[in-house]
Protein backbone atom coordinates (compact mmCIF):
# COMPACT_ATOMS: atom_id res chain seq x y z
CA MET A 1 0.00 0.00 0.00
CA ALA A 2 1.54 3.29 -1.13
CA VAL A 3 1.95 6.19 1.29
CA PHE A 4 2.49 9.93 0.92
CA GLU A 5 4.68 11.78 3.42
CA ILE A 6 3.87 15.48 3.09
CA GLU A 7 5.86 18.34 4.56
CA GLY A 8 3.34 21.12 4.83
CA GLY A 9 3.64 24.88 4.98
CA HIS A 10 5.31 25.50 1.61
CA SER A 11 3.98 28.06 -0.84
CA LEU A 12 3.88 26.78 -4.43
CA GLU A 13 4.52 28.66 -7.65
CA GLY A 14 4.39 27.60 -11.27
CA GLU A 15 2.21 26.08 -13.98
CA LEU A 16 -0.01 23.02 -13.90
CA THR A 17 -1.62 21.42 -16.95
CA PRO A 18 -4.80 19.47 -16.20
CA GLN A 19 -5.04 15.92 -17.48
CA GLY A 20 -7.77 14.73 -19.80
CA ALA A 21 -11.16 14.35 -18.14
CA LYS A 22 -11.53 11.04 -16.34
CA ASN A 23 -15.34 11.03 -16.39
CA GLU A 24 -15.39 11.79 -20.11
CA ALA A 25 -12.81 9.10 -20.83
CA LEU A 26 -14.90 6.40 -19.17
CA GLN A 27 -17.80 7.19 -21.54
CA ILE A 28 -15.72 7.64 -24.68
CA LEU A 29 -13.71 4.43 -24.25
CA CYS A 30 -16.88 2.39 -23.79
CA ALA A 31 -18.29 3.96 -26.97
CA VAL A 32 -15.52 2.46 -29.13
CA LEU A 33 -17.47 -0.83 -28.87
CA LEU A 34 -20.22 0.66 -31.05
CA THR A 35 -18.27 0.29 -34.30
CA PRO A 36 -15.94 -2.22 -35.93
CA GLN A 37 -13.97 0.68 -37.38
CA ARG A 38 -10.94 2.49 -35.98
CA VAL A 39 -11.47 5.16 -33.33
CA VAL A 40 -8.59 7.42 -32.26
CA VAL A 41 -8.84 9.08 -28.84
CA ASN A 42 -6.49 11.86 -27.70
CA ASN A 43 -5.75 13.41 -24.29
CA VAL A 44 -6.54 10.13 -22.54
CA PRO A 45 -5.73 10.47 -18.82
CA GLU A 46 -3.31 7.65 -18.02
CA ILE A 47 -4.63 7.01 -14.53
CA VAL A 48 -5.42 3.73 -12.82
CA ASP A 49 -9.17 3.58 -13.58
CA ILE A 50 -8.70 4.42 -17.26
CA LEU A 51 -5.78 2.03 -17.77
CA GLN A 52 -7.85 -0.73 -16.15
CA LEU A 53 -10.69 -0.01 -18.59
CA ILE A 54 -8.29 -0.13 -21.55
CA ASP A 55 -6.96 -3.49 -20.33
CA LEU A 56 -10.53 -4.75 -20.03
CA LEU A 57 -11.28 -3.66 -23.61
CA LYS A 58 -8.17 -5.54 -24.77
CA ALA A 59 -9.34 -8.68 -22.96
CA MET A 60 -12.73 -8.37 -24.70
CA GLY A 61 -11.00 -8.44 -28.09
CA VAL A 62 -10.55 -4.74 -28.86
CA ALA A 63 -7.31 -4.05 -30.75
CA VAL A 64 -5.57 -1.23 -28.89
CA GLU A 65 -2.61 0.73 -30.26
CA LYS A 66 -0.80 3.41 -28.27
CA LEU A 67 0.06 6.07 -30.86
CA LYS A 68 1.91 8.41 -28.48
CA PRO A 69 1.58 9.46 -24.84
CA GLU A 70 -2.14 9.95 -24.05
CA SER A 71 -3.27 9.00 -27.58
CA TYR A 72 -4.71 5.58 -28.46
CA ALA A 73 -6.36 3.88 -31.42
CA PHE A 74 -9.12 1.33 -30.78
CA CYS A 75 -10.69 -1.19 -33.17
CA ALA A 76 -13.57 -3.28 -31.81
CA LYS A 77 -13.90 -5.48 -34.89
CA ASP A 78 -13.51 -8.87 -33.20
CA ILE A 79 -15.27 -8.88 -29.83
CA ASP A 80 -15.42 -12.16 -27.93
CA VAL A 81 -18.97 -12.09 -26.54
CA GLU A 82 -18.43 -15.42 -24.74
CA TYR A 83 -15.66 -13.77 -22.71
CA LEU A 84 -18.36 -11.72 -20.98
CA LYS A 85 -19.44 -14.87 -19.12
CA THR A 86 -15.99 -15.62 -17.73
CA GLU A 87 -14.68 -15.10 -14.23
CA ASP A 88 -11.82 -13.00 -15.61
CA TYR A 89 -14.29 -10.54 -17.15
CA GLN A 90 -16.25 -10.31 -13.93
CA ASN A 91 -13.12 -9.72 -11.85
CA ARG A 92 -11.87 -6.98 -14.17
CA ALA A 93 -15.25 -5.26 -14.61
CA MET A 94 -16.10 -5.14 -10.93
CA ARG A 95 -12.94 -3.14 -10.11
CA LEU A 96 -14.23 0.13 -11.55
CA ARG A 97 -17.54 1.90 -11.53
CA GLY A 98 -17.29 3.13 -15.11
CA SER A 99 -17.42 -0.42 -16.48
CA VAL A 100 -21.22 -0.24 -16.24
CA MET A 101 -21.19 1.90 -19.40
CA LEU A 102 -20.01 -1.11 -21.39
CA ILE A 103 -23.53 -2.52 -21.21
CA GLY A 104 -25.24 -0.05 -23.56
CA PRO A 105 -22.79 -0.52 -26.45
CA LEU A 106 -22.70 -4.32 -25.98
CA LEU A 107 -26.48 -4.59 -25.81
CA THR A 108 -27.22 -2.52 -28.91
CA ARG A 109 -24.45 -3.99 -31.10
CA PHE A 110 -24.33 -7.61 -29.93
CA GLY A 111 -27.73 -8.10 -28.32
CA VAL A 112 -26.43 -8.96 -24.87
CA GLY A 113 -24.66 -7.36 -21.95
CA TYR A 114 -23.34 -8.83 -18.71
CA MET A 115 -22.00 -6.87 -15.77
CA PRO A 116 -21.06 -7.76 -12.20
CA LYS A 117 -21.98 -5.23 -9.56
CA PRO A 118 -19.34 -2.55 -10.28
CA GLY A 119 -16.82 -1.18 -7.81
CA GLY A 120 -15.56 2.37 -7.43
CA ASP A 121 -15.56 4.80 -4.52
CA LYS A 122 -17.40 3.83 -1.34
CA ILE A 123 -19.28 7.10 -0.98
CA GLY A 124 -22.81 5.84 -0.42
CA ARG A 125 -25.55 4.27 -2.48
CA ARG A 126 -24.96 4.52 -6.22
CA ARG A 127 -27.94 2.84 -7.76
CA LEU A 128 -28.14 1.61 -11.35
CA ASP A 129 -31.92 1.62 -11.78
CA THR A 130 -31.87 4.48 -14.30
CA HIS A 131 -29.62 2.49 -16.64
CA PHE A 132 -31.69 -0.68 -16.66
CA ILE A 133 -35.11 1.01 -16.71
CA GLY A 134 -33.90 2.81 -19.83
CA PHE A 135 -32.75 -0.44 -21.45
CA GLU A 136 -36.10 -2.06 -20.66
CA LYS A 137 -37.96 0.85 -22.30
CA LEU A 138 -35.85 0.18 -25.39
CA GLY A 139 -37.09 -3.42 -25.36
CA ALA A 140 -34.36 -5.30 -23.49
CA LYS A 141 -35.06 -8.08 -21.01
CA PHE A 142 -33.33 -7.47 -17.69
CA ASN A 143 -32.23 -9.96 -15.07
CA PHE A 144 -30.29 -9.62 -11.82
CA ASP A 145 -28.70 -12.72 -10.33
CA SER A 146 -28.54 -11.86 -6.64
CA ALA A 147 -26.46 -14.91 -5.80
CA GLU A 148 -23.75 -13.88 -8.28
CA SER A 149 -24.41 -10.10 -7.99
CA CYS A 150 -24.51 -10.01 -11.78
CA PHE A 151 -26.73 -7.97 -14.13
CA SER A 152 -27.68 -9.13 -17.61
CA VAL A 153 -29.70 -7.60 -20.45
CA LYS A 154 -30.69 -9.16 -23.78
CA ALA A 155 -32.48 -7.98 -26.93
CA ASP A 156 -32.63 -8.99 -30.60
CA ARG A 157 -32.76 -5.35 -31.66
CA LEU A 158 -33.63 -2.40 -29.50
CA GLN A 159 -36.64 -0.27 -30.39
CA GLY A 160 -36.72 3.49 -29.92
CA ALA A 161 -38.97 4.81 -27.17
CA TYR A 162 -39.91 7.89 -25.15
CA MET A 163 -38.57 7.98 -21.59
CA LEU A 164 -38.52 10.40 -18.69
CA LEU A 165 -35.49 9.52 -16.57
CA ASP A 166 -36.13 9.21 -12.84
CA GLU A 167 -32.87 11.11 -12.23
CA ALA A 168 -30.51 13.08 -14.46
CA SER A 169 -27.81 10.44 -14.12
CA VAL A 170 -24.71 11.18 -16.19
CA THR A 171 -23.62 7.56 -16.58
CA GLY A 172 -27.24 6.47 -16.98
CA THR A 173 -27.85 9.00 -19.76
CA ALA A 174 -24.58 8.04 -21.49
CA ASN A 175 -25.43 4.34 -21.33
CA ILE A 176 -28.94 4.83 -22.72
CA VAL A 177 -27.70 7.18 -25.47
CA MET A 178 -25.12 4.62 -26.58
CA ALA A 179 -27.79 1.92 -26.65
CA ALA A 180 -30.27 4.11 -28.54
CA VAL A 181 -27.99 5.20 -31.40
CA LEU A 182 -28.28 1.75 -33.04
CA ALA A 183 -31.89 1.12 -32.00
CA LYS A 184 -34.69 1.07 -34.57
CA GLY A 185 -36.65 4.29 -34.72
CA LYS A 186 -36.68 7.40 -32.54
CA THR A 187 -35.70 7.61 -28.89
CA THR A 188 -36.57 10.65 -26.78
CA ILE A 189 -34.81 11.08 -23.43
CA TYR A 190 -36.26 13.74 -21.12
CA ASN A 191 -34.49 14.78 -17.89
CA ALA A 192 -31.25 13.74 -19.56
CA ALA A 193 -27.94 14.78 -18.05
CA CYS A 194 -26.26 17.55 -20.05
CA GLU A 195 -22.73 17.80 -18.57
CA PRO A 196 -19.98 18.86 -20.99
CA TYR A 197 -18.63 15.29 -20.97
CA LEU A 198 -22.03 13.95 -22.04
CA GLN A 199 -22.10 16.62 -24.74
CA GLN A 200 -18.68 15.44 -25.88
CA LEU A 201 -19.93 11.86 -26.14
CA CYS A 202 -22.95 12.92 -28.23
CA LYS A 203 -20.80 15.02 -30.56
CA MET A 204 -18.40 12.10 -31.06
CA LEU A 205 -21.28 9.72 -31.80
CA ASN A 206 -22.67 12.17 -34.37
CA ARG A 207 -19.28 12.27 -36.09
CA MET A 208 -19.49 8.47 -36.23
CA GLY A 209 -22.83 8.71 -38.02
CA ALA A 210 -25.36 8.87 -35.18
CA LYS A 211 -28.28 11.30 -35.32
CA ILE A 212 -28.57 12.99 -31.93
CA SER A 213 -30.26 16.38 -31.47
CA GLY A 214 -30.81 18.50 -28.38
CA ILE A 215 -27.17 18.24 -27.30
CA SER A 216 -26.45 20.43 -24.23
CA SER A 217 -30.13 20.36 -23.20
CA ASN A 218 -32.04 17.94 -20.98
CA LEU A 219 -34.14 16.71 -23.91
CA LEU A 220 -32.25 14.45 -26.30
CA VAL A 221 -33.79 13.04 -29.48
CA ILE A 222 -32.00 10.14 -31.16
CA GLU A 223 -32.85 8.74 -34.59
CA GLY A 224 -31.46 5.22 -34.70
CA VAL A 225 -29.06 4.23 -37.50
CA ASP A 226 -27.94 0.84 -38.76
CA GLU A 227 -24.22 1.28 -38.15
CA LEU A 228 -21.55 3.68 -36.95
CA GLY A 229 -18.12 4.42 -38.40
CA GLY A 230 -14.76 5.47 -37.04
CA THR A 231 -13.68 8.92 -35.87
CA GLU A 232 -11.07 10.86 -33.92
CA HIS A 233 -11.84 12.48 -30.58
CA THR A 234 -9.97 14.68 -28.09
CA MET A 235 -10.92 14.80 -24.40
CA LEU A 236 -11.63 18.02 -22.55
CA PRO A 237 -9.37 18.91 -19.61
CA ASP A 238 -10.58 17.50 -16.30
CA MET A 239 -12.74 20.11 -14.55
CA ILE A 240 -12.34 18.28 -11.21
CA GLU A 241 -8.57 18.55 -11.41
CA ILE A 242 -8.87 22.22 -12.36
CA GLY A 243 -11.07 22.85 -9.33
CA SER A 244 -8.64 20.92 -7.14
CA PHE A 245 -5.77 23.15 -8.29
CA ILE A 246 -7.80 26.32 -7.58
CA GLY A 247 -8.43 25.07 -4.06
CA LEU A 248 -4.78 24.08 -3.64
CA ALA A 249 -3.61 27.59 -4.56
CA ALA A 250 -5.94 29.22 -2.03
CA MET A 251 -5.15 26.86 0.84
CA THR A 252 -1.36 27.07 0.44
CA LYS A 253 -1.20 30.82 -0.42
CA SER A 254 0.32 29.89 -3.78
CA GLN A 255 0.55 31.51 -7.18
CA ILE A 256 -0.45 28.98 -9.82
CA THR A 257 -1.31 29.15 -13.51
CA ILE A 258 -3.59 26.36 -14.71
CA LYS A 259 -3.02 25.87 -18.42
CA ASN A 260 -5.61 25.26 -21.14
CA VAL A 261 -8.66 24.93 -18.91
CA SER A 262 -11.38 25.10 -21.62
CA PHE A 263 -12.99 27.85 -19.56
CA ASP A 264 -16.32 27.78 -21.40
CA ASN A 265 -16.82 24.19 -20.23
CA LEU A 266 -16.20 24.91 -16.53
CA GLY A 267 -19.73 26.18 -15.95
CA ILE A 268 -20.41 27.50 -12.45
CA ILE A 269 -17.13 26.26 -10.95
CA PRO A 270 -15.10 29.51 -11.22
CA ALA A 271 -18.03 31.60 -9.94
CA GLN A 272 -18.46 29.34 -6.90
CA PHE A 273 -14.78 29.66 -6.01
CA ALA A 274 -15.11 33.42 -6.45
CA ARG A 275 -17.95 33.38 -3.88
CA MET A 276 -15.44 31.78 -1.51
CA GLY A 277 -13.31 34.91 -2.00
CA ILE A 278 -10.72 33.29 -4.25
CA GLN A 279 -9.32 35.61 -6.90
CA MET A 280 -8.56 34.35 -10.39
CA GLU A 281 -7.82 35.84 -13.78
CA LEU A 282 -8.48 34.34 -17.20
CA ARG A 283 -5.49 34.81 -19.49
CA GLY A 284 -6.41 33.46 -22.88
CA ASP A 285 -7.54 29.95 -21.91
CA ASP A 286 -5.22 29.80 -18.87
CA LEU A 287 -6.50 30.44 -15.36
CA PHE A 288 -4.13 32.47 -13.17
CA ILE A 289 -4.59 32.17 -9.40
CA PRO A 290 -2.62 34.89 -7.55
CA ARG A 291 -1.14 34.44 -4.09
CA GLN A 292 -3.69 35.49 -1.44
CA GLU A 293 -3.02 35.97 2.26
CA SER A 294 -6.72 35.55 2.98
CA TYR A 295 -10.05 35.01 1.26
CA GLN A 296 -13.54 35.77 2.58
CA ILE A 297 -16.69 33.76 2.00
CA GLU A 298 -19.65 35.81 0.81
CA ASN A 299 -22.99 35.77 2.59
CA PHE A 300 -26.31 35.65 0.82
CA ILE A 301 -27.83 39.09 0.18
CA ASP A 302 -30.02 38.81 3.29
CA GLY A 303 -26.91 38.24 5.41
CA SER A 304 -27.50 34.51 5.94
CA ILE A 305 -24.72 31.93 5.77
CA MET A 306 -23.57 30.83 2.33
CA THR A 307 -24.63 27.32 1.23
CA ILE A 308 -22.69 25.43 -1.41
CA ALA A 309 -24.55 22.40 -2.72
CA ASP A 310 -24.20 19.98 -5.59
CA ALA A 311 -26.78 19.79 -8.36
CA PRO A 312 -27.16 18.33 -11.87
CA TRP A 313 -25.38 20.35 -14.55
CA PRO A 314 -25.32 23.31 -14.94
CA GLY A 315 -25.24 23.11 -11.15
CA LEU A 316 -22.07 22.32 -9.20
CA THR A 317 -20.58 18.88 -9.69
CA PRO A 318 -20.61 16.77 -6.49
CA ASP A 319 -17.03 15.69 -7.17
CA LEU A 320 -15.78 19.13 -6.07
CA LEU A 321 -17.61 19.48 -2.76
CA SER A 322 -14.72 17.84 -0.90
CA ILE A 323 -12.43 20.54 -2.29
CA PHE A 324 -14.79 23.37 -1.36
CA LEU A 325 -15.05 21.96 2.16
CA VAL A 326 -11.31 21.83 2.76
CA VAL A 327 -10.81 25.30 1.23
CA ALA A 328 -13.42 26.68 3.63
CA THR A 329 -11.36 25.58 6.64
CA GLN A 330 -8.93 28.49 6.05
CA ALA A 331 -11.42 31.05 4.73
CA LYS A 332 -12.73 34.06 6.60
CA GLY A 333 -16.35 33.34 7.42
CA ALA A 334 -18.57 30.27 7.47
CA VAL A 335 -20.30 28.08 4.92
CA LEU A 336 -22.72 25.16 4.86
CA ILE A 337 -21.59 22.36 2.52
CA HIS A 338 -24.58 20.31 1.38
CA GLN A 339 -23.72 17.04 -0.37
CA LYS A 340 -27.10 15.91 -1.64
CA MET A 341 -26.17 12.90 -3.71
CA PHE A 342 -23.92 10.60 -1.64
CA GLU A 343 -24.47 10.01 2.06
CA SER A 344 -20.93 8.84 2.88
CA ARG A 345 -18.88 11.44 1.05
CA LEU A 346 -18.48 13.83 3.98
CA PHE A 347 -17.24 11.29 6.51
CA PHE A 348 -13.62 12.21 5.75
CA VAL A 349 -14.12 15.43 7.74
CA ASP A 350 -13.08 13.57 10.91
CA ASN A 351 -9.53 13.79 9.57
CA LEU A 352 -9.83 17.54 9.10
CA ILE A 353 -11.27 17.99 12.58
CA SER A 354 -8.28 16.11 14.01
CA MET A 355 -6.08 18.60 12.13
CA GLY A 356 -7.79 21.48 13.93
CA ALA A 357 -10.47 22.44 11.41
CA GLN A 358 -13.70 23.88 12.81
CA ILE A 359 -16.34 21.67 11.23
CA ILE A 360 -19.72 20.52 12.49
CA LEU A 361 -20.96 17.41 10.68
CA CYS A 362 -24.69 18.11 10.88
CA ASP A 363 -25.74 14.80 9.29
CA PRO A 364 -24.38 12.52 6.51
CA HIS A 365 -25.19 15.15 3.89
CA ARG A 366 -24.33 18.49 5.53
CA ALA A 367 -21.34 20.05 7.22
CA THR A 368 -20.89 23.57 8.57
CA VAL A 369 -17.36 24.96 8.30
CA ILE A 370 -16.07 27.99 10.25
CA GLY A 371 -12.84 29.14 8.66
CA HIS A 372 -9.59 30.05 10.45
CA ASN A 373 -8.78 32.90 8.01
CA HIS A 374 -5.19 31.55 7.94
CA GLU A 375 -4.75 32.80 11.51
CA MET A 376 -4.18 29.24 12.70
CA ASN A 377 -2.73 26.56 10.42
CA LEU A 378 -4.01 23.02 10.39
CA ARG A 379 -1.93 20.45 12.30
CA ALA A 380 -0.12 17.59 10.62
CA THR A 381 -1.57 14.12 11.20
CA ASN A 382 -1.70 10.55 9.90
CA MET A 383 -4.73 9.64 7.82
CA SER A 384 -6.01 7.36 5.05
CA SER A 385 -7.59 8.28 1.71
CA PRO A 386 -11.17 6.92 1.64
CA ASP A 387 -11.91 7.81 -2.00
CA ILE A 388 -10.45 9.77 -4.91
CA ARG A 389 -11.87 13.21 -4.18
CA ALA A 390 -11.57 13.07 -0.39
CA GLY A 391 -8.00 11.85 -0.85
CA VAL A 392 -7.03 14.95 -2.82
CA ALA A 393 -8.84 17.19 -0.33
CA LEU A 394 -6.77 15.62 2.46
CA LEU A 395 -3.61 16.08 0.38
CA ILE A 396 -4.42 19.78 0.00
CA ALA A 397 -5.02 20.03 3.76
CA ALA A 398 -1.69 18.34 4.48
CA LEU A 399 0.17 20.69 2.11
CA SER A 400 -1.20 23.67 4.03
CA ALA A 401 -0.59 22.21 7.51
CA ASP A 402 2.28 22.73 9.94
CA GLY A 403 4.59 19.72 10.13
CA LYS A 404 4.70 16.36 8.37
CA SER A 405 1.52 14.45 7.54
CA VAL A 406 1.15 10.90 6.29
CA ILE A 407 -1.62 9.76 3.93
CA GLN A 408 -2.08 6.03 3.47
CA ASN A 409 -4.01 4.23 0.72
CA VAL A 410 -2.93 6.77 -1.90
CA GLU A 411 -3.85 4.23 -4.58
CA GLN A 412 -7.29 5.80 -4.25
CA ILE A 413 -5.83 9.15 -5.33
CA ASP A 414 -3.93 7.49 -8.18
CA ARG A 415 -7.24 6.24 -9.58
CA GLY A 416 -8.14 9.81 -10.53
CA TYR A 417 -4.95 11.91 -10.60
CA LYS A 418 -1.87 11.00 -12.63
CA ASN A 419 1.50 11.50 -10.88
CA ILE A 420 -0.03 14.10 -8.59
CA ASP A 421 2.96 14.02 -6.23
CA GLY A 422 5.49 14.54 -9.03
CA ARG A 423 3.52 17.35 -10.64
CA LEU A 424 3.07 19.22 -7.35
CA ASN A 425 6.69 18.67 -6.34
CA ASP A 426 7.71 20.36 -9.59
CA ILE A 427 6.14 23.61 -8.36
CA GLY A 428 7.47 23.49 -4.81
CA ALA A 429 5.54 20.86 -2.84
CA LYS A 430 7.37 18.42 -0.56
CA ILE A 431 5.73 15.01 -1.09
CA ILE A 432 7.55 11.70 -0.73
CA ARG A 433 5.90 8.53 -2.05
CA SER A 434 6.90 5.29 -0.31
């Protein structure tokens, strides 16, 4: 088990380039199964979860060629459908949450999809009902083997349908869209997710020959086609990593330039950090974060305490609430962090409290943070990373703290952030991996 030893209290300075978007990559790589033709994907984040998905695609029969760093060619011409029933497939697929998005492409192209209960972060209930209700509306027969914890769907050919999703699930919408592009007739998806990464998937599918309209809205209309062709696609930069770097700069009083952020695709993220009092300047498509000795959280116009909550796009992504929470520990003022989606995601705050943060965990979904205004630094401590986003929040806390902290189970961080210790050390951090 890898460990980070972090010497806190150092101000950082320099440039950071965000990796390709992890959540987009999970969708795009599953979509290569929709065509027997060559698909080239650029800006692929070479992190643990994505590399595991690429290895799984190889095991399924996808020909994978690494063209250069972060660029791959995929050809899903010869897929071994029988492999889906093997123990090796189940073991590989259950390691990562994103593997569930293999089902839509497999179902619509090969008529069958098998999936063990997927893994991923332990952050609370993460139900899959939206996915399978959508497949059933398209005409698939669904079965769940509770003894084996395995899902299966089958259909001769899917038939387009109207559906109102019970939640605006990003992975659910992506899965249903990928299934519908080769279905017969028209599919209408209302209450669809509309995140930039979902938009990217739809645009790529259209380049492959799909007919999807309503992209960027919550009403998607898909005219099914008989086949899809090859294409080339480039990932957006990872908005979660960009947000993490903004928070890092504020907490450590650092001056950081985040390169090539695709600002128009960041949505409400910069504005929410600005409401925390964090200054930033857009220079071309680079985001410059100046060194700040303090930053003050705004109140609402009636003087009440600021609330920062997650919401479906264009609301704030839940993946950044851990970062907002840790940033608030050194702000001037107070804020209520409301994590609506996952009931276990805030439990990492015990570590921050042991470091001296003033946090009241109101219930599994809400935490009130009273900031120190950098008048008292956090204390170094030993802790363990419970999931990807909490792990990076704890890393940011440790970098701002007095003394030497230890973070165990950093494999969780590696699942979402490539070489994070090396990249931060290059701009002045003191992190030792052992």
